[in-house]
Amino acid sequence: MSDSKKYAKIAYDALADKKGENIKIIDISEVSPIADYFIIADGANQNQLQAMCDAVDEELYKAGCELKQTEGNRNSTWILMDYGDIIVHVFSKEDRLFYDLERIWKDGVEVDPETI
């Protein structure tokens, strides 16, 4: 298993542990050079969004995957966490519907986390 796939699964599990909703892993490795995977999730409120981001960062750090850049802050309704080969997007429900990354990246392949 590639490191990026392993990290995608770790991020997925961390988001699920914090009750992230509609979590998706999209393999974009064949359609874009920016990353191998997008992990997209939404949460109910600011506190949950921050808890989700903190959990992802902690678990990936433990696995040896360091955060390169973050866009957004504690007051944001879309937080992007760039780990190089994986990019984690944490949204409010409203912003996720508005930006609709799944539609924009429809050429990517959705990955079943149970198969990783």
N, C-alpha and C. Protein backbone atom coordinates (compact mmCIF):
# COMPACT_ATOMS: atom_id res chain seq x y z
N MET A 1 0.85 -1.18 0.00
CA MET A 1 0.00 0.00 0.00
C MET A 1 0.89 1.24 0.00
N SER A 2 0.52 2.20 -0.82
CA SER A 2 1.30 3.44 -0.88
C SER A 2 1.10 4.25 0.40
N ASP A 3 2.08 5.11 0.69
CA ASP A 3 1.96 5.98 1.86
C ASP A 3 0.74 6.88 1.74
N SER A 4 0.50 7.43 0.55
CA SER A 4 -0.62 8.36 0.40
C SER A 4 -1.95 7.65 0.66
N LYS A 5 -2.08 6.41 0.24
CA LYS A 5 -3.31 5.66 0.49
C LYS A 5 -3.46 5.39 1.99
N LYS A 6 -2.36 5.03 2.64
CA LYS A 6 -2.37 4.79 4.08
C LYS A 6 -2.78 6.07 4.82
N TYR A 7 -2.21 7.20 4.42
CA TYR A 7 -2.53 8.47 5.06
C TYR A 7 -3.99 8.87 4.82
N ALA A 8 -4.50 8.58 3.63
CA ALA A 8 -5.90 8.88 3.33
C ALA A 8 -6.82 8.11 4.28
N LYS A 9 -6.49 6.85 4.52
CA LYS A 9 -7.29 6.02 5.43
C LYS A 9 -7.19 6.54 6.87
N ILE A 10 -6.00 6.95 7.29
CA ILE A 10 -5.83 7.50 8.64
C ILE A 10 -6.68 8.77 8.79
N ALA A 11 -6.64 9.64 7.79
CA ALA A 11 -7.44 10.87 7.84
C ALA A 11 -8.93 10.54 7.88
N TYR A 12 -9.35 9.59 7.07
CA TYR A 12 -10.75 9.16 7.05
C TYR A 12 -11.18 8.69 8.44
N ASP A 13 -10.38 7.83 9.03
CA ASP A 13 -10.71 7.28 10.36
C ASP A 13 -10.76 8.37 11.42
N ALA A 14 -9.84 9.33 11.36
CA ALA A 14 -9.83 10.43 12.33
C ALA A 14 -11.09 11.28 12.20
N LEU A 15 -11.51 11.53 10.96
CA LEU A 15 -12.74 12.30 10.74
C LEU A 15 -13.95 11.52 11.24
N ALA A 16 -13.98 10.23 10.98
CA ALA A 16 -15.09 9.39 11.43
C ALA A 16 -15.15 9.34 12.96
N ASP A 17 -13.99 9.29 13.62
CA ASP A 17 -13.95 9.26 15.08
C ASP A 17 -14.56 10.51 15.69
N LYS A 18 -14.50 11.62 14.99
CA LYS A 18 -15.08 12.89 15.48
C LYS A 18 -16.46 13.14 14.88
N LYS A 19 -17.07 12.07 14.38
CA LYS A 19 -18.44 12.12 13.85
C LYS A 19 -18.58 13.02 12.63
N GLY A 20 -17.50 13.09 11.81
CA GLY A 20 -17.60 13.78 10.54
C GLY A 20 -18.67 13.11 9.69
N GLU A 21 -19.33 13.88 8.86
CA GLU A 21 -20.42 13.34 8.06
C GLU A 21 -20.06 13.34 6.57
N ASN A 22 -20.67 12.39 5.86
CA ASN A 22 -20.50 12.29 4.40
C ASN A 22 -19.03 12.31 4.01
N ILE A 23 -18.22 11.52 4.70
CA ILE A 23 -16.79 11.50 4.43
C ILE A 23 -16.53 10.74 3.13
N LYS A 24 -15.77 11.38 2.25
CA LYS A 24 -15.45 10.76 0.96
C LYS A 24 -13.95 10.82 0.73
N ILE A 25 -13.42 9.79 0.14
CA ILE A 25 -12.04 9.77 -0.33
C ILE A 25 -12.12 9.72 -1.84
N ILE A 26 -11.48 10.68 -2.50
CA ILE A 26 -11.47 10.72 -3.96
C ILE A 26 -10.03 10.62 -4.44
N ASP A 27 -9.77 9.62 -5.27
CA ASP A 27 -8.45 9.43 -5.86
C ASP A 27 -8.37 10.36 -7.08
N ILE A 28 -7.51 11.37 -6.97
CA ILE A 28 -7.35 12.33 -8.08
C ILE A 28 -6.00 12.17 -8.77
N SER A 29 -5.28 11.10 -8.44
CA SER A 29 -3.91 10.92 -8.94
C SER A 29 -3.83 10.85 -10.47
N GLU A 30 -4.89 10.39 -11.11
CA GLU A 30 -4.88 10.27 -12.57
C GLU A 30 -5.37 11.54 -13.27
N VAL A 31 -5.94 12.48 -12.51
CA VAL A 31 -6.52 13.66 -13.13
C VAL A 31 -5.84 14.97 -12.72
N SER A 32 -4.95 14.92 -11.73
CA SER A 32 -4.29 16.15 -11.28
C SER A 32 -2.94 15.86 -10.63
N PRO A 33 -1.97 16.73 -10.86
CA PRO A 33 -0.66 16.54 -10.23
C PRO A 33 -0.58 17.12 -8.81
N ILE A 34 -1.65 17.77 -8.33
CA ILE A 34 -1.55 18.45 -7.04
C ILE A 34 -1.56 17.51 -5.84
N ALA A 35 -2.15 16.33 -5.98
CA ALA A 35 -2.23 15.38 -4.87
C ALA A 35 -2.71 14.05 -5.40
N ASP A 36 -2.63 13.03 -4.55
CA ASP A 36 -3.17 11.71 -4.91
C ASP A 36 -4.62 11.56 -4.45
N TYR A 37 -4.92 12.12 -3.26
CA TYR A 37 -6.26 11.96 -2.69
C TYR A 37 -6.79 13.25 -2.11
N PHE A 38 -8.10 13.44 -2.29
CA PHE A 38 -8.86 14.44 -1.54
C PHE A 38 -9.68 13.65 -0.53
N ILE A 39 -9.72 14.13 0.70
CA ILE A 39 -10.64 13.59 1.69
C ILE A 39 -11.55 14.75 2.05
N ILE A 40 -12.86 14.54 1.89
CA ILE A 40 -13.84 15.60 2.08
C ILE A 40 -14.84 15.15 3.14
N ALA A 41 -15.13 16.07 4.08
CA ALA A 41 -16.12 15.77 5.12
C ALA A 41 -16.80 17.05 5.55
N ASP A 42 -17.96 16.90 6.19
CA ASP A 42 -18.60 18.07 6.77
C ASP A 42 -18.97 17.79 8.21
N GLY A 43 -19.20 18.89 8.92
CA GLY A 43 -19.56 18.80 10.34
C GLY A 43 -20.69 19.75 10.66
N ALA A 44 -21.22 19.62 11.88
CA ALA A 44 -22.42 20.34 12.28
C ALA A 44 -22.17 21.77 12.74
N ASN A 45 -20.98 22.04 13.30
CA ASN A 45 -20.73 23.38 13.85
C ASN A 45 -19.22 23.64 13.92
N GLN A 46 -18.86 24.88 14.28
CA GLN A 46 -17.45 25.29 14.32
C GLN A 46 -16.62 24.40 15.24
N ASN A 47 -17.16 24.09 16.41
CA ASN A 47 -16.40 23.26 17.35
C ASN A 47 -16.11 21.88 16.78
N GLN A 48 -17.10 21.31 16.11
CA GLN A 48 -16.88 20.00 15.51
C GLN A 48 -15.87 20.08 14.37
N LEU A 49 -15.97 21.11 13.54
CA LEU A 49 -15.02 21.26 12.43
C LEU A 49 -13.59 21.32 12.98
N GLN A 50 -13.39 22.10 14.03
CA GLN A 50 -12.06 22.23 14.61
C GLN A 50 -11.60 20.91 15.23
N ALA A 51 -12.49 20.21 15.90
CA ALA A 51 -12.14 18.91 16.49
C ALA A 51 -11.76 17.91 15.40
N MET A 52 -12.45 17.95 14.28
CA MET A 52 -12.14 17.07 13.16
C MET A 52 -10.73 17.37 12.63
N CYS A 53 -10.43 18.65 12.43
CA CYS A 53 -9.12 19.05 11.92
C CYS A 53 -8.02 18.66 12.91
N ASP A 54 -8.25 18.91 14.19
CA ASP A 54 -7.25 18.56 15.20
C ASP A 54 -6.98 17.06 15.22
N ALA A 55 -8.04 16.26 15.09
CA ALA A 55 -7.89 14.81 15.10
C ALA A 55 -7.09 14.33 13.89
N VAL A 56 -7.40 14.88 12.72
CA VAL A 56 -6.67 14.51 11.50
C VAL A 56 -5.19 14.85 11.66
N ASP A 57 -4.93 16.07 12.11
CA ASP A 57 -3.55 16.52 12.25
C ASP A 57 -2.78 15.65 13.25
N GLU A 58 -3.40 15.33 14.37
CA GLU A 58 -2.73 14.51 15.38
C GLU A 58 -2.43 13.10 14.87
N GLU A 59 -3.40 12.48 14.23
CA GLU A 59 -3.20 11.10 13.76
C GLU A 59 -2.20 11.04 12.61
N LEU A 60 -2.25 11.99 11.70
CA LEU A 60 -1.28 11.98 10.60
C LEU A 60 0.13 12.30 11.10
N TYR A 61 0.23 13.19 12.07
CA TYR A 61 1.53 13.50 12.66
C TYR A 61 2.14 12.25 13.30
N LYS A 62 1.32 11.50 14.03
CA LYS A 62 1.78 10.25 14.65
C LYS A 62 2.27 9.26 13.60
N ALA A 63 1.65 9.30 12.42
CA ALA A 63 2.01 8.37 11.33
C ALA A 63 3.19 8.87 10.52
N GLY A 64 3.71 10.06 10.86
CA GLY A 64 4.87 10.60 10.16
C GLY A 64 4.54 11.48 8.97
N CYS A 65 3.30 11.88 8.85
CA CYS A 65 2.88 12.75 7.75
C CYS A 65 2.66 14.15 8.30
N GLU A 66 3.49 15.09 7.86
CA GLU A 66 3.43 16.43 8.42
C GLU A 66 2.60 17.38 7.56
N LEU A 67 1.88 18.23 8.26
CA LEU A 67 1.06 19.25 7.61
C LEU A 67 1.96 20.27 6.93
N LYS A 68 1.70 20.53 5.65
CA LYS A 68 2.49 21.49 4.90
C LYS A 68 1.88 22.89 4.96
N GLN A 69 0.54 22.94 4.88
CA GLN A 69 -0.13 24.24 4.88
C GLN A 69 -1.60 24.05 5.25
N THR A 70 -2.14 25.05 5.91
CA THR A 70 -3.57 25.08 6.23
C THR A 70 -4.16 26.37 5.69
N GLU A 71 -5.33 26.26 5.11
CA GLU A 71 -6.11 27.43 4.69
C GLU A 71 -7.37 27.41 5.53
N GLY A 72 -7.66 28.52 6.18
CA GLY A 72 -8.82 28.59 7.06
C GLY A 72 -8.35 28.60 8.51
N ASN A 73 -9.28 28.95 9.40
CA ASN A 73 -8.97 29.02 10.82
C ASN A 73 -10.17 28.58 11.64
N ARG A 74 -10.12 28.82 12.93
CA ARG A 74 -11.20 28.38 13.83
C ARG A 74 -12.57 28.97 13.48
N ASN A 75 -12.59 30.07 12.77
CA ASN A 75 -13.86 30.70 12.40
C ASN A 75 -14.30 30.36 10.99
N SER A 76 -13.51 29.58 10.28
CA SER A 76 -13.81 29.27 8.88
C SER A 76 -14.85 28.16 8.77
N THR A 77 -15.56 28.18 7.66
CA THR A 77 -16.53 27.13 7.37
C THR A 77 -16.01 26.18 6.29
N TRP A 78 -14.78 26.42 5.85
CA TRP A 78 -14.07 25.50 4.95
C TRP A 78 -12.61 25.57 5.36
N ILE A 79 -12.09 24.45 5.82
CA ILE A 79 -10.69 24.37 6.22
C ILE A 79 -10.02 23.35 5.31
N LEU A 80 -8.94 23.77 4.68
CA LEU A 80 -8.17 22.91 3.79
C LEU A 80 -6.84 22.61 4.48
N MET A 81 -6.52 21.33 4.59
CA MET A 81 -5.27 20.90 5.20
C MET A 81 -4.46 20.15 4.14
N ASP A 82 -3.32 20.69 3.79
CA ASP A 82 -2.47 20.15 2.73
C ASP A 82 -1.33 19.34 3.34
N TYR A 83 -1.35 18.04 3.06
CA TYR A 83 -0.29 17.14 3.52
C TYR A 83 0.57 16.65 2.35
N GLY A 84 0.53 17.35 1.25
CA GLY A 84 1.31 16.95 0.08
C GLY A 84 0.51 16.00 -0.80
N ASP A 85 0.63 14.71 -0.53
CA ASP A 85 -0.06 13.71 -1.36
C ASP A 85 -1.55 13.58 -1.05
N ILE A 86 -1.95 14.07 0.12
CA ILE A 86 -3.38 14.10 0.44
C ILE A 86 -3.77 15.51 0.86
N ILE A 87 -4.99 15.86 0.51
CA ILE A 87 -5.54 17.15 0.91
C ILE A 87 -6.88 16.88 1.58
N VAL A 88 -7.02 17.39 2.80
CA VAL A 88 -8.24 17.19 3.58
C VAL A 88 -9.06 18.48 3.54
N HIS A 89 -10.33 18.34 3.19
CA HIS A 89 -11.27 19.46 3.16
C HIS A 89 -12.33 19.21 4.21
N VAL A 90 -12.46 20.13 5.16
CA VAL A 90 -13.48 20.04 6.20
C VAL A 90 -14.40 21.24 6.04
N PHE A 91 -15.69 20.97 5.85
CA PHE A 91 -16.68 21.99 5.52
C PHE A 91 -17.81 22.05 6.53
N SER A 92 -18.47 23.20 6.58
CA SER A 92 -19.83 23.26 7.12
C SER A 92 -20.71 22.60 6.06
N LYS A 93 -21.87 22.15 6.45
CA LYS A 93 -22.79 21.52 5.49
C LYS A 93 -23.14 22.47 4.34
N GLU A 94 -23.40 23.73 4.69
CA GLU A 94 -23.80 24.71 3.68
C GLU A 94 -22.69 24.96 2.66
N ASP A 95 -21.47 25.15 3.15
CA ASP A 95 -20.36 25.41 2.23
C ASP A 95 -20.05 24.20 1.37
N ARG A 96 -20.19 23.02 1.94
CA ARG A 96 -19.93 21.82 1.13
C ARG A 96 -20.91 21.75 -0.04
N LEU A 97 -22.16 22.03 0.23
CA LEU A 97 -23.15 22.04 -0.86
C LEU A 97 -22.85 23.13 -1.87
N PHE A 98 -22.45 24.30 -1.39
CA PHE A 98 -22.18 25.43 -2.27
C PHE A 98 -20.98 25.16 -3.18
N TYR A 99 -19.86 24.70 -2.61
CA TYR A 99 -18.65 24.51 -3.41
C TYR A 99 -18.65 23.21 -4.20
N ASP A 100 -19.34 22.19 -3.72
CA ASP A 100 -19.56 20.94 -4.44
C ASP A 100 -18.29 20.37 -5.09
N LEU A 101 -17.28 20.13 -4.27
CA LEU A 101 -16.01 19.60 -4.80
C LEU A 101 -16.18 18.26 -5.50
N GLU A 102 -17.12 17.46 -5.03
CA GLU A 102 -17.33 16.17 -5.68
C GLU A 102 -17.71 16.34 -7.15
N ARG A 103 -18.48 17.37 -7.46
CA ARG A 103 -18.85 17.63 -8.86
C ARG A 103 -17.64 18.13 -9.64
N ILE A 104 -16.90 19.06 -9.03
CA ILE A 104 -15.73 19.63 -9.70
C ILE A 104 -14.70 18.54 -10.01
N TRP A 105 -14.53 17.61 -9.09
CA TRP A 105 -13.52 16.54 -9.23
C TRP A 105 -14.16 15.22 -9.63
N LYS A 106 -15.25 15.29 -10.41
CA LYS A 106 -15.97 14.07 -10.78
C LYS A 106 -15.14 13.10 -11.62
N ASP A 107 -14.05 13.58 -12.22
CA ASP A 107 -13.18 12.67 -12.99
C ASP A 107 -12.31 11.83 -12.09
N GLY A 108 -12.26 12.18 -10.80
CA GLY A 108 -11.54 11.35 -9.83
C GLY A 108 -12.37 10.11 -9.52
N VAL A 109 -11.77 9.18 -8.80
CA VAL A 109 -12.44 7.92 -8.47
C VAL A 109 -12.69 7.89 -6.97
N GLU A 110 -13.97 7.73 -6.61
CA GLU A 110 -14.28 7.61 -5.19
C GLU A 110 -13.78 6.26 -4.68
N VAL A 111 -13.10 6.30 -3.54
CA VAL A 111 -12.49 5.11 -2.96
C VAL A 111 -13.31 4.66 -1.77
N ASP A 112 -13.62 3.38 -1.71
CA ASP A 112 -14.31 2.81 -0.56
C ASP A 112 -13.28 2.63 0.55
N PRO A 113 -13.43 3.32 1.69
CA PRO A 113 -12.43 3.22 2.75
C PRO A 113 -12.26 1.81 3.30
N GLU A 114 -13.26 0.98 3.12
CA GLU A 114 -13.16 -0.41 3.60
C GLU A 114 -12.21 -1.24 2.75
N THR A 115 -11.88 -0.76 1.56
CA THR A 115 -10.98 -1.52 0.68
C THR A 115 -9.51 -1.12 0.85
N ILE A 116 -9.28 -0.13 1.71
CA ILE A 116 -7.89 0.31 1.92
C ILE A 116 -7.27 -0.50 3.02
